[in-house]
PDB file of N, CA and C in Angstrom:
ATOM      1  N   MET A   1     -30.248  -3.926 -17.571  1.00  0.00           N
ATOM      2  CA  MET A   1     -28.992  -2.680 -17.124  1.00  0.00           C
ATOM      3  C   MET A   1     -28.147  -2.220 -17.964  1.00  0.00           C
ATOM      4  N   PRO A   2     -28.201  -0.666 -17.944  1.00  0.00           N
ATOM      5  CA  PRO A   2     -27.666  -0.097 -19.163  1.00  0.00           C
ATOM      6  C   PRO A   2     -26.077  -0.232 -19.369  1.00  0.00           C
ATOM      7  N   SER A   3     -25.515  -0.552 -20.386  1.00  0.00           N
ATOM      8  CA  SER A   3     -24.294  -0.573 -20.682  1.00  0.00           C
ATOM      9  C   SER A   3     -23.210   0.499 -20.682  1.00  0.00           C
ATOM     10  N   ILE A   4     -22.043   0.680 -20.143  1.00  0.00           N
ATOM     11  CA  ILE A   4     -21.654   1.573 -19.986  1.00  0.00           C
ATOM     12  C   ILE A   4     -20.494   2.095 -21.144  1.00  0.00           C
ATOM     13  N   THR A   5     -20.626   3.318 -21.646  1.00  0.00           N
ATOM     14  CA  THR A   5     -20.198   3.594 -22.837  1.00  0.00           C
ATOM     15  C   THR A   5     -19.062   4.144 -22.714  1.00  0.00           C
ATOM     16  N   ARG A   6     -18.091   4.619 -24.037  1.00  0.00           N
ATOM     17  CA  ARG A   6     -17.113   4.654 -24.482  1.00  0.00           C
ATOM     18  C   ARG A   6     -16.827   6.039 -23.967  1.00  0.00           C
ATOM     19  N   GLU A   7     -18.009   6.837 -24.270  1.00  0.00           N
ATOM     20  CA  GLU A   7     -17.763   7.993 -23.784  1.00  0.00           C
ATOM     21  C   GLU A   7     -17.487   8.659 -22.329  1.00  0.00           C
ATOM     22  N   GLU A   8     -18.600   7.772 -21.266  1.00  0.00           N
ATOM     23  CA  GLU A   8     -18.649   7.637 -20.274  1.00  0.00           C
ATOM     24  C   GLU A   8     -16.805   7.046 -19.598  1.00  0.00           C
ATOM     25  N   VAL A   9     -16.351   6.145 -20.394  1.00  0.00           N
ATOM     26  CA  VAL A   9     -15.205   5.765 -19.656  1.00  0.00           C
ATOM     27  C   VAL A   9     -14.226   6.876 -19.839  1.00  0.00           C
ATOM     28  N   ALA A  10     -14.152   7.349 -21.207  1.00  0.00           N
ATOM     29  CA  ALA A  10     -13.116   8.687 -21.613  1.00  0.00           C
ATOM     30  C   ALA A  10     -13.249   9.830 -20.375  1.00  0.00           C
ATOM     31  N   HIS A  11     -14.649   9.852 -19.882  1.00  0.00           N
ATOM     32  CA  HIS A  11     -14.651  11.037 -18.862  1.00  0.00           C
ATOM     33  C   HIS A  11     -14.774  10.430 -17.594  1.00  0.00           C
ATOM     34  N   LEU A  12     -14.525   9.412 -17.177  1.00  0.00           N
ATOM     35  CA  LEU A  12     -14.007   8.771 -16.159  1.00  0.00           C
ATOM     36  C   LEU A  12     -12.149   8.432 -16.289  1.00  0.00           C
ATOM     37  N   ALA A  13     -11.972   8.606 -17.202  1.00  0.00           N
ATOM     38  CA  ALA A  13     -10.326   8.672 -17.411  1.00  0.00           C
ATOM     39  C   ALA A  13      -9.746  10.018 -17.355  1.00  0.00           C
ATOM     40  N   ARG A  14     -10.882  11.529 -17.643  1.00  0.00           N
ATOM     41  CA  ARG A  14     -10.320  12.760 -17.654  1.00  0.00           C
ATOM     42  C   ARG A  14     -10.602  13.015 -15.859  1.00  0.00           C
ATOM     43  N   LEU A  15     -11.483  12.555 -15.290  1.00  0.00           N
ATOM     44  CA  LEU A  15     -11.380  12.441 -14.041  1.00  0.00           C
ATOM     45  C   LEU A  15     -10.778  12.238 -13.447  1.00  0.00           C
ATOM     46  N   ALA A  16      -9.964  10.898 -13.381  1.00  0.00           N
ATOM     47  CA  ALA A  16      -8.317  10.194 -12.783  1.00  0.00           C
ATOM     48  C   ALA A  16      -7.482  10.774 -13.566  1.00  0.00           C
ATOM     49  N   ARG A  17      -7.497  11.858 -14.809  1.00  0.00           N
ATOM     50  CA  ARG A  17      -6.504  12.531 -15.139  1.00  0.00           C
ATOM     51  C   ARG A  17      -5.656  10.877 -15.643  1.00  0.00           C
ATOM     52  N   ILE A  18      -6.160  10.279 -16.555  1.00  0.00           N
ATOM     53  CA  ILE A  18      -5.402   8.961 -16.945  1.00  0.00           C
ATOM     54  C   ILE A  18      -5.675   9.503 -18.356  1.00  0.00           C
ATOM     55  N   GLU A  19      -4.706   9.445 -19.457  1.00  0.00           N
ATOM     56  CA  GLU A  19      -4.876   9.748 -20.564  1.00  0.00           C
ATOM     57  C   GLU A  19      -5.001   8.029 -21.487  1.00  0.00           C
ATOM     58  N   LEU A  20      -6.021   8.180 -21.913  1.00  0.00           N
ATOM     59  CA  LEU A  20      -6.069   6.691 -22.869  1.00  0.00           C
ATOM     60  C   LEU A  20      -6.353   6.858 -24.402  1.00  0.00           C
ATOM     61  N   THR A  21      -5.573   6.214 -24.862  1.00  0.00           N
ATOM     62  CA  THR A  21      -5.889   6.212 -26.414  1.00  0.00           C
ATOM     63  C   THR A  21      -7.239   5.776 -27.013  1.00  0.00           C
ATOM     64  N   ASP A  22      -7.558   5.754 -28.143  1.00  0.00           N
ATOM     65  CA  ASP A  22      -8.927   5.394 -28.482  1.00  0.00           C
ATOM     66  C   ASP A  22      -9.012   3.731 -28.416  1.00  0.00           C
ATOM     67  N   ASP A  23      -8.001   3.223 -28.969  1.00  0.00           N
ATOM     68  CA  ASP A  23      -7.866   2.165 -28.755  1.00  0.00           C
ATOM     69  C   ASP A  23      -8.100   1.041 -27.037  1.00  0.00           C
ATOM     70  N   GLU A  24      -7.470   2.066 -26.445  1.00  0.00           N
ATOM     71  CA  GLU A  24      -7.681   1.466 -25.071  1.00  0.00           C
ATOM     72  C   GLU A  24      -9.024   1.581 -24.449  1.00  0.00           C
ATOM     73  N   LEU A  25      -9.388   2.782 -24.847  1.00  0.00           N
ATOM     74  CA  LEU A  25     -10.964   3.116 -24.125  1.00  0.00           C
ATOM     75  C   LEU A  25     -12.216   1.967 -25.071  1.00  0.00           C
ATOM     76  N   ASP A  26     -11.742   1.732 -26.144  1.00  0.00           N
ATOM     77  CA  ASP A  26     -12.611   0.360 -26.980  1.00  0.00           C
ATOM     78  C   ASP A  26     -12.352  -0.912 -26.461  1.00  0.00           C
ATOM     79  N   HIS A  27     -11.118  -1.288 -25.486  1.00  0.00           N
ATOM     80  CA  HIS A  27     -10.915  -2.157 -24.940  1.00  0.00           C
ATOM     81  C   HIS A  27     -11.566  -2.331 -23.510  1.00  0.00           C
ATOM     82  N   LEU A  28     -11.372  -1.096 -22.923  1.00  0.00           N
ATOM     83  CA  LEU A  28     -11.945  -0.673 -21.303  1.00  0.00           C
ATOM     84  C   LEU A  28     -13.097  -0.788 -21.384  1.00  0.00           C
ATOM     85  N   ALA A  29     -13.792  -0.187 -22.159  1.00  0.00           N
ATOM     86  CA  ALA A  29     -15.546  -0.222 -21.775  1.00  0.00           C
ATOM     87  C   ALA A  29     -16.157  -1.353 -21.640  1.00  0.00           C
ATOM     88  N   PRO A  30     -16.272  -2.681 -22.216  1.00  0.00           N
ATOM     89  CA  PRO A  30     -16.981  -3.538 -22.535  1.00  0.00           C
ATOM     90  C   PRO A  30     -16.171  -4.392 -20.696  1.00  0.00           C
ATOM     91  N   GLN A  31     -15.027  -4.106 -20.663  1.00  0.00           N
ATOM     92  CA  GLN A  31     -14.142  -4.734 -19.347  1.00  0.00           C
ATOM     93  C   GLN A  31     -14.950  -4.001 -18.243  1.00  0.00           C
ATOM     94  N   LEU A  32     -14.875  -2.553 -18.353  1.00  0.00           N
ATOM     95  CA  LEU A  32     -15.687  -1.941 -17.031  1.00  0.00           C
ATOM     96  C   LEU A  32     -17.472  -2.205 -16.560  1.00  0.00           C
ATOM     97  N   ASP A  33     -18.231  -2.503 -17.774  1.00  0.00           N
ATOM     98  CA  ASP A  33     -19.487  -2.575 -17.715  1.00  0.00           C
ATOM     99  C   ASP A  33     -19.330  -4.109 -17.630  1.00  0.00           C
ATOM    100  N   GLN A  34     -18.927  -5.187 -17.615  1.00  0.00           N
ATOM    101  CA  GLN A  34     -18.331  -6.288 -17.070  1.00  0.00           C
ATOM    102  C   GLN A  34     -18.384  -5.976 -15.420  1.00  0.00           C
ATOM    103  N   ILE A  35     -17.411  -5.199 -15.025  1.00  0.00           N
ATOM    104  CA  ILE A  35     -16.899  -5.335 -13.840  1.00  0.00           C
ATOM    105  C   ILE A  35     -18.167  -4.609 -12.728  1.00  0.00           C
ATOM    106  N   ILE A  36     -18.756  -3.646 -13.362  1.00  0.00           N
ATOM    107  CA  ILE A  36     -19.646  -3.016 -12.651  1.00  0.00           C
ATOM    108  C   ILE A  36     -21.028  -3.769 -12.728  1.00  0.00           C
ATOM    109  N   GLY A  37     -21.735  -4.860 -13.811  1.00  0.00           N
ATOM    110  CA  GLY A  37     -22.308  -5.905 -13.371  1.00  0.00           C
ATOM    111  C   GLY A  37     -22.473  -6.556 -12.628  1.00  0.00           C
ATOM    112  N   LEU A  38     -21.223  -7.201 -12.873  1.00  0.00           N
ATOM    113  CA  LEU A  38     -20.834  -8.013 -11.350  1.00  0.00           C
ATOM    114  C   LEU A  38     -20.828  -7.696 -10.107  1.00  0.00           C
ATOM    115  N   VAL A  39     -20.545  -6.133  -9.698  1.00  0.00           N
ATOM    116  CA  VAL A  39     -20.607  -5.707  -8.723  1.00  0.00           C
ATOM    117  C   VAL A  39     -22.127  -5.411  -8.101  1.00  0.00           C
ATOM    118  N   GLY A  40     -22.738  -4.941  -9.148  1.00  0.00           N
ATOM    119  CA  GLY A  40     -24.360  -5.420  -9.217  1.00  0.00           C
ATOM    120  C   GLY A  40     -24.630  -6.526  -8.441  1.00  0.00           C
ATOM    121  N   GLN A  41     -24.138  -7.657  -9.054  1.00  0.00           N
ATOM    122  CA  GLN A  41     -24.698  -9.357  -8.588  1.00  0.00           C
ATOM    123  C   GLN A  41     -24.462  -9.416  -7.210  1.00  0.00           C
ATOM    124  N   VAL A  42     -23.398  -8.888  -6.902  1.00  0.00           N
ATOM    125  CA  VAL A  42     -22.587  -9.198  -5.168  1.00  0.00           C
ATOM    126  C   VAL A  42     -23.358  -8.457  -4.387  1.00  0.00           C
ATOM    127  N   SER A  43     -24.163  -7.301  -4.900  1.00  0.00           N
ATOM    128  CA  SER A  43     -25.057  -6.318  -4.203  1.00  0.00           C
ATOM    129  C   SER A  43     -26.559  -6.923  -4.303  1.00  0.00           C
ATOM    130  N   GLU A  44     -27.013  -7.641  -4.792  1.00  0.00           N
ATOM    131  CA  GLU A  44     -27.961  -8.366  -4.818  1.00  0.00           C
ATOM    132  C   GLU A  44     -28.175  -9.476  -3.931  1.00  0.00           C
ATOM    133  N   VAL A  45     -27.072 -10.432  -3.441  1.00  0.00           N
ATOM    134  CA  VAL A  45     -27.010 -11.393  -2.677  1.00  0.00           C
ATOM    135  C   VAL A  45     -26.525 -10.829  -1.303  1.00  0.00           C
ATOM    136  N   ALA A  46     -26.021  -9.558  -1.252  1.00  0.00           N
ATOM    137  CA  ALA A  46     -25.307  -9.248   0.232  1.00  0.00           C
ATOM    138  C   ALA A  46     -26.832  -9.071   0.951  1.00  0.00           C
ATOM    139  N   ALA A  47     -26.747  -9.468   2.209  1.00  0.00           N
ATOM    140  CA  ALA A  47     -28.011  -9.803   2.943  1.00  0.00           C
ATOM    141  C   ALA A  47     -27.440  -8.733   4.157  1.00  0.00           C
ATOM    142  N   ASP A  48     -28.586  -7.848   4.401  1.00  0.00           N
ATOM    143  CA  ASP A  48     -28.713  -7.479   5.825  1.00  0.00           C
ATOM    144  C   ASP A  48     -27.925  -7.634   6.838  1.00  0.00           C
ATOM    145  N   ASP A  49     -28.527  -8.846   7.275  1.00  0.00           N
ATOM    146  CA  ASP A  49     -27.984  -9.298   8.136  1.00  0.00           C
ATOM    147  C   ASP A  49     -26.728  -9.818   8.318  1.00  0.00           C
ATOM    148  N   ILE A  50     -25.879  -9.989   7.006  1.00  0.00           N
ATOM    149  CA  ILE A  50     -24.860 -10.307   7.146  1.00  0.00           C
ATOM    150  C   ILE A  50     -23.750  -8.600   7.407  1.00  0.00           C
ATOM    151  N   PRO A  51     -22.579  -8.931   8.242  1.00  0.00           N
ATOM    152  CA  PRO A  51     -21.995  -7.504   8.922  1.00  0.00           C
ATOM    153  C   PRO A  51     -21.092  -7.322   7.217  1.00  0.00           C
ATOM    154  N   PRO A  52     -20.719  -6.387   7.098  1.00  0.00           N
ATOM    155  CA  PRO A  52     -19.570  -5.848   5.608  1.00  0.00           C
ATOM    156  C   PRO A  52     -18.331  -6.988   6.742  1.00  0.00           C
ATOM    157  N   THR A  53     -17.296  -6.994   5.678  1.00  0.00           N
ATOM    158  CA  THR A  53     -16.088  -7.565   6.122  1.00  0.00           C
ATOM    159  C   THR A  53     -15.055  -7.045   5.034  1.00  0.00           C
ATOM    160  N   SER A  54     -13.623  -6.640   5.350  1.00  0.00           N
ATOM    161  CA  SER A  54     -12.990  -6.439   4.613  1.00  0.00           C
ATOM    162  C   SER A  54     -12.090  -7.608   4.477  1.00  0.00           C
ATOM    163  N   HIS A  55     -11.763  -8.728   5.142  1.00  0.00           N
ATOM    164  CA  HIS A  55     -11.399 -10.143   5.163  1.00  0.00           C
ATOM    165  C   HIS A  55     -11.835 -11.357   5.314  1.00  0.00           C
ATOM    166  N   ALA A  56     -11.698 -12.339   4.881  1.00  0.00           N
ATOM    167  CA  ALA A  56     -12.377 -13.369   4.749  1.00  0.00           C
ATOM    168  C   ALA A  56     -12.390 -14.155   6.430  1.00  0.00           C
ATOM    169  N   LEU A  57     -11.480 -13.422   6.690  1.00  0.00           N
ATOM    170  CA  LEU A  57     -10.928 -14.206   8.026  1.00  0.00           C
ATOM    171  C   LEU A  57     -10.610 -13.219   8.879  1.00  0.00           C
ATOM    172  N   PRO A  58     -10.762 -13.763  10.167  1.00  0.00           N
ATOM    173  CA  PRO A  58     -10.691 -12.433  11.188  1.00  0.00           C
ATOM    174  C   PRO A  58      -9.256 -11.906  11.730  1.00  0.00           C
ATOM    175  N   LEU A  59      -9.027 -10.858  11.761  1.00  0.00           N
ATOM    176  CA  LEU A  59      -7.483 -10.928  11.957  1.00  0.00           C
ATOM    177  C   LEU A  59      -7.205 -10.221  13.210  1.00  0.00           C
ATOM    178  N   THR A  60      -6.409 -10.799  14.054  1.00  0.00           N
ATOM    179  CA  THR A  60      -5.800 -10.243  15.294  1.00  0.00           C
ATOM    180  C   THR A  60      -4.484  -9.579  15.366  1.00  0.00           C
ATOM    181  N   ASN A  61      -4.381  -8.260  16.355  1.00  0.00           N
ATOM    182  CA  ASN A  61      -3.185  -7.529  15.955  1.00  0.00           C
ATOM    183  C   ASN A  61      -1.777  -8.407  16.797  1.00  0.00           C
ATOM    184  N   VAL A  62      -1.031  -8.749  15.920  1.00  0.00           N
ATOM    185  CA  VAL A  62       0.226  -9.520  17.136  1.00  0.00           C
ATOM    186  C   VAL A  62       0.997  -8.793  17.508  1.00  0.00           C
ATOM    187  N   MET A  63       0.650  -7.416  17.385  1.00  0.00           N
ATOM    188  CA  MET A  63       2.180  -6.453  18.495  1.00  0.00           C
ATOM    189  C   MET A  63       1.821  -6.982  19.807  1.00  0.00           C
ATOM    190  N   ARG A  64       2.795  -7.113  20.174  1.00  0.00           N
ATOM    191  CA  ARG A  64       2.832  -7.279  21.695  1.00  0.00           C
ATOM    192  C   ARG A  64       3.241  -5.705  22.537  1.00  0.00           C
ATOM    193  N   GLU A  65       2.894  -5.945  23.699  1.00  0.00           N
ATOM    194  CA  GLU A  65       2.637  -4.332  24.430  1.00  0.00           C
ATOM    195  C   GLU A  65       4.613  -3.658  24.355  1.00  0.00           C
ATOM    196  N   ASP A  66       4.339  -2.449  24.058  1.00  0.00           N
ATOM    197  CA  ASP A  66       5.577  -1.795  24.456  1.00  0.00           C
ATOM    198  C   ASP A  66       5.977  -1.910  26.046  1.00  0.00           C
ATOM    199  N   VAL A  67       7.401  -2.276  26.303  1.00  0.00           N
ATOM    200  CA  VAL A  67       7.717  -2.857  27.802  1.00  0.00           C
ATOM    201  C   VAL A  67       9.284  -1.764  27.982  1.00  0.00           C
ATOM    202  N   ASN A  68       9.379  -1.389  29.084  1.00  0.00           N
ATOM    203  CA  ASN A  68      10.455  -0.278  29.206  1.00  0.00           C
ATOM    204  C   ASN A  68      11.439  -1.015  29.588  1.00  0.00           C
ATOM    205  N   VAL A  69      12.647  -1.418  29.063  1.00  0.00           N
ATOM    206  CA  VAL A  69      14.043  -2.148  29.353  1.00  0.00           C
ATOM    207  C   VAL A  69      15.050  -1.650  29.634  1.00  0.00           C
ATOM    208  N   PRO A  70      15.972  -1.409  30.378  1.00  0.00           N
ATOM    209  CA  PRO A  70      17.036  -0.819  30.344  1.00  0.00           C
ATOM    210  C   PRO A  70      17.857  -0.639  28.755  1.00  0.00           C
ATOM    211  N   CYS A  71      18.489   0.720  28.726  1.00  0.00           N
ATOM    212  CA  CYS A  71      19.005   0.385  27.210  1.00  0.00           C
ATOM    213  C   CYS A  71      20.824   0.227  27.549  1.00  0.00           C
ATOM    214  N   LEU A  72      21.245  -0.172  26.769  1.00  0.00           N
ATOM    215  CA  LEU A  72      22.543  -0.044  27.218  1.00  0.00           C
ATOM    216  C   LEU A  72      23.595   1.139  27.589  1.00  0.00           C
ATOM    217  N   THR A  73      24.560   1.080  27.999  1.00  0.00           N
ATOM    218  CA  THR A  73      25.548   2.337  28.182  1.00  0.00           C
ATOM    219  C   THR A  73      26.399   2.400  27.356  1.00  0.00           C
ATOM    220  N   PRO A  74      27.193   3.654  26.686  1.00  0.00           N
ATOM    221  CA  PRO A  74      27.758   3.824  25.966  1.00  0.00           C
ATOM    222  C   PRO A  74      28.803   3.242  25.746  1.00  0.00           C
ATOM    223  N   GLU A  75      29.601   2.417  26.963  1.00  0.00           N
ATOM    224  CA  GLU A  75      30.441   1.189  27.283  1.00  0.00           C
ATOM    225  C   GLU A  75      30.374   0.388  26.625  1.00  0.00           C
ATOM    226  N   GLN A  76      29.136  -0.202  26.833  1.00  0.00           N
ATOM    227  CA  GLN A  76      28.592  -1.810  26.600  1.00  0.00           C
ATOM    228  C   GLN A  76      28.380  -1.782  25.091  1.00  0.00           C
ATOM    229  N   ALA A  77      28.142  -0.213  24.689  1.00  0.00           N
ATOM    230  CA  ALA A  77      27.552  -0.389  23.154  1.00  0.00           C
ATOM    231  C   ALA A  77      28.753  -0.054  21.836  1.00  0.00           C
ATOM    232  N   LEU A  78      29.724   0.186  22.540  1.00  0.00           N
ATOM    233  CA  LEU A  78      31.053   0.252  22.194  1.00  0.00           C
ATOM    234  C   LEU A  78      32.351  -0.486  22.208  1.00  0.00           C
ATOM    235  N   SER A  79      31.693  -1.648  23.282  1.00  0.00           N
ATOM    236  CA  SER A  79      32.668  -2.655  23.577  1.00  0.00           C
ATOM    237  C   SER A  79      33.094  -3.727  22.751  1.00  0.00           C
ATOM    238  N   GLY A  80      32.303  -3.779  21.648  1.00  0.00           N
ATOM    239  CA  GLY A  80      32.847  -4.769  20.619  1.00  0.00           C
ATOM    240  C   GLY A  80      33.112  -3.916  19.251  1.00  0.00           C
ATOM    241  N   ALA A  81      33.285  -2.743  19.504  1.00  0.00           N
ATOM    242  CA  ALA A  81      33.830  -2.186  18.059  1.00  0.00           C
ATOM    243  C   ALA A  81      35.134  -1.727  18.069  1.00  0.00           C
ATOM    244  N   PRO A  82      35.867  -2.196  16.442  1.00  0.00           N
ATOM    245  CA  PRO A  82      37.111  -2.242  16.563  1.00  0.00           C
ATOM    246  C   PRO A  82      37.756  -0.901  16.784  1.00  0.00           C
ATOM    247  N   ALA A  83      37.355   0.322  16.395  1.00  0.00           N
ATOM    248  CA  ALA A  83      37.959   1.578  17.134  1.00  0.00           C
ATOM    249  C   ALA A  83      36.641   2.439  17.047  1.00  0.00           C
ATOM    250  N   ALA A  84      36.917   2.921  18.403  1.00  0.00           N
ATOM    251  CA  ALA A  84      36.185   3.744  19.073  1.00  0.00           C
ATOM    252  C   ALA A  84      36.410   5.162  19.622  1.00  0.00           C
ATOM    253  N   GLU A  85      36.075   5.733  19.216  1.00  0.00           N
ATOM    254  CA  GLU A  85      37.042   6.983  20.226  1.00  0.00           C
ATOM    255  C   GLU A  85      35.714   8.128  20.780  1.00  0.00           C
ATOM    256  N   GLU A  86      35.839   8.660  21.661  1.00  0.00           N
ATOM    257  CA  GLU A  86      34.711   9.635  22.276  1.00  0.00           C
ATOM    258  C   GLU A  86      33.238   9.280  22.033  1.00  0.00           C
ATOM    259  N   GLN A  87      33.254   7.672  22.614  1.00  0.00           N
ATOM    260  CA  GLN A  87      31.873   7.375  22.545  1.00  0.00           C
ATOM    261  C   GLN A  87      31.047   7.102  21.306  1.00  0.00           C
ATOM    262  N   ARG A  88      32.137   7.262  20.083  1.00  0.00           N
ATOM    263  CA  ARG A  88      31.158   7.287  19.006  1.00  0.00           C
ATOM    264  C   ARG A  88      32.086   5.742  18.488  1.00  0.00           C
ATOM    265  N   PHE A  89      31.477   5.254  17.217  1.00  0.00           N
ATOM    266  CA  PHE A  89      31.934   4.202  16.354  1.00  0.00           C
ATOM    267  C   PHE A  89      32.839   5.109  15.426  1.00  0.00           C
ATOM    268  N   ARG A  90      33.927   4.740  14.809  1.00  0.00           N
ATOM    269  CA  ARG A  90      34.795   5.091  13.841  1.00  0.00           C
ATOM    270  C   ARG A  90      34.475   4.198  12.529  1.00  0.00           C
ATOM    271  N   VAL A  91      34.134   4.932  11.680  1.00  0.00           N
ATOM    272  CA  VAL A  91      33.819   3.845  10.485  1.00  0.00           C
ATOM    273  C   VAL A  91      34.814   4.406   9.316  1.00  0.00           C
ATOM    274  N   PRO A  92      35.322   3.692   8.182  1.00  0.00           N
ATOM    275  CA  PRO A  92      35.983   4.469   7.535  1.00  0.00           C
ATOM    276  C   PRO A  92      35.133   5.746   6.504  1.00  0.00           C
ATOM    277  N   ARG A  93      36.004   6.657   5.723  1.00  0.00           N
ATOM    278  CA  ARG A  93      35.044   7.473   4.575  1.00  0.00           C
ATOM    279  C   ARG A  93      34.647   6.701   3.479  1.00  0.00           C
ATOM    280  N   ILE A  94      33.321   6.998   3.112  1.00  0.00           N
ATOM    281  CA  ILE A  94      33.088   6.048   1.842  1.00  0.00           C
ATOM    282  C   ILE A  94      33.054   7.241   0.723  1.00  0.00           C
ATOM    283  N   LEU A  95      32.626   8.814   1.172  1.00  0.00           N
ATOM    284  CA  LEU A  95      32.478   9.797   0.196  1.00  0.00           C
ATOM    285  C   LEU A  95      33.738  10.414   0.112  1.00  0.00           C
ATOM    286  N   ASP A  96      34.069  11.162  -1.148  1.00  0.00           N
ATOM    287  CA  ASP A  96      35.283  11.963  -0.849  1.00  0.00           C
ATOM    288  C   ASP A  96      34.720  13.630  -0.376  1.00  0.00           C
ATOM    289  N   GLU A  97      35.434  14.376  -0.246  1.00  0.00           N
ATOM    290  CA  GLU A  97      34.690  15.919   0.061  1.00  0.00           C
ATOM    291  C   GLU A  97      34.268  16.546  -1.249  1.00  0.00           C
ATOM    292  N   GLU A  98      34.761  15.897  -2.418  1.00  0.00           N
ATOM    293  CA  GLU A  98      34.393  16.900  -3.788  1.00  0.00           C
ATOM    294  C   GLU A  98      32.799  16.335  -3.873  1.00  0.00           C
ATOM    295  N   ALA A  99      32.556  15.228  -3.345  1.00  0.00           N
ATOM    296  CA  ALA A  99      30.734  14.708  -3.750  1.00  0.00           C
ATOM    297  C   ALA A  99      29.695  15.659  -3.210  1.00  0.00           C
TER     298      ALA A  99
END
């Protein structure tokens, strides 16, 4: 299997719009070559009768069904508010008008 060259890594970096220094290209070329080799080994082992998976364990959706329930009335929602007026919560100002 041919190894990936420094120039090919530079080309991939340009395509991905990643700026790499000469030292980074020299460092990444052997690493990328090793990754490609390992992916090739996995491809050789993968059998046609094994379905592709994205996780080692089966995932199930833990969300419950949406259920419509009655909501609070404005009076109920404001019943515990320290200062409510005109069916709204009154909160202290935190920003100056100049901001």
